[in-house]
Amino acid sequence: MRYSAAITAGNPGVVGFYKTFMQSLYCGLNRQYPVWTISHAGHCSPPIGMDMTDEHDHQIDDVFGLSGQIEHKNFFLKQNVPADVKLVLIGHSIGCYIILEMMKRSPELKVLKSILLFPTIERMAQSPQGKIMTPLLCSLRYVVYMPLYLLSFLPDVVKTFLVKLVLRGVKYVDEASVVASLDLFRMECAANGMYMGSQEMLKVVERDNATIKQQLNKLIFYYGATDNWCPVQYYEDIKKDFPKGNIWLCDKGYRHAFVLDSSKEVASLVINWLNEQLDL
């Protein structure tokens, strides 16, 4: 049977943040299965000679918004993954919400498992971090644009220093994350990320229990024990509502942004789940 794994990013959806995670999954699965990471439209610097938007974007309303990003992922899979390939979808943060929506909107996708890591699938604005970020993303993000524009002119060596300064509290920062962070100094990438974030605060409110119930045997949830985007209360609530679900609470201290320092460890968890449940 042919398999492929597709990772749907959090926000910012810069593919480089997931480089180590992808490599660890691919190698841990004995290099037998392709591993894709789908960045969010407009969050990454495009290759030289390519515009920020692609030719299909005109087919999607508000491609940089949350709903448009869901259609963007569906479009990618339909265009690039053969129809007979069985899919393992791996979501991180808002990528988990996107995966649930993909499974609802595109039932023709041959999804074997969906692994939802640190899932922001409900009450985002009410979470501890959401209460801080909602005013910034929804009302004040335009104030940030001018400083970002000015910072974009700095040489990469200075940008790298600033990134490491911001991440100084992370003990072992993955170098791939430092490189990926440079995309956030590009004005349009950062603006698109904040715009999508503003929609997350407004639209990710009620947990989609209907879809979860319908797809429960295909879903694995992994919540953080110290996650300010989806606090332990959210884990307890979903565990109560779906007692037979494959729903876990992290006991290893991994942060919400696990790609900064724990990509290999989280990849190992995912590999173990897949080996146990799909006999890969």
Foldseek 3Di string as FASTA:
>chain_A
DAAEEEEEEAFQQQPLLCPVLLVLLCVLVVVRYYYYYDGQQQQFDDPPPDDSDDPCLVVAPPCLAPVNRLVVVVVCCVVPPDLPYAYEYEYAEVRQLSVLVNCVVCVSHRYQAYEYEQYLQAQQCVFQVNVVCQCCLQPNVVVVLVVLQVQLPDDPVVLLVVLCVVVVVPDDFDVSVSVSCNSCSDRRNVNSSSNNVNNSNVPRHDHPVVSCVVCQVRYAAEHEDPERRQHVVNLVVVCVVCVPGNYYYDPPRQYSSNSGPNSNVVSVVVSVVCCVPVVD
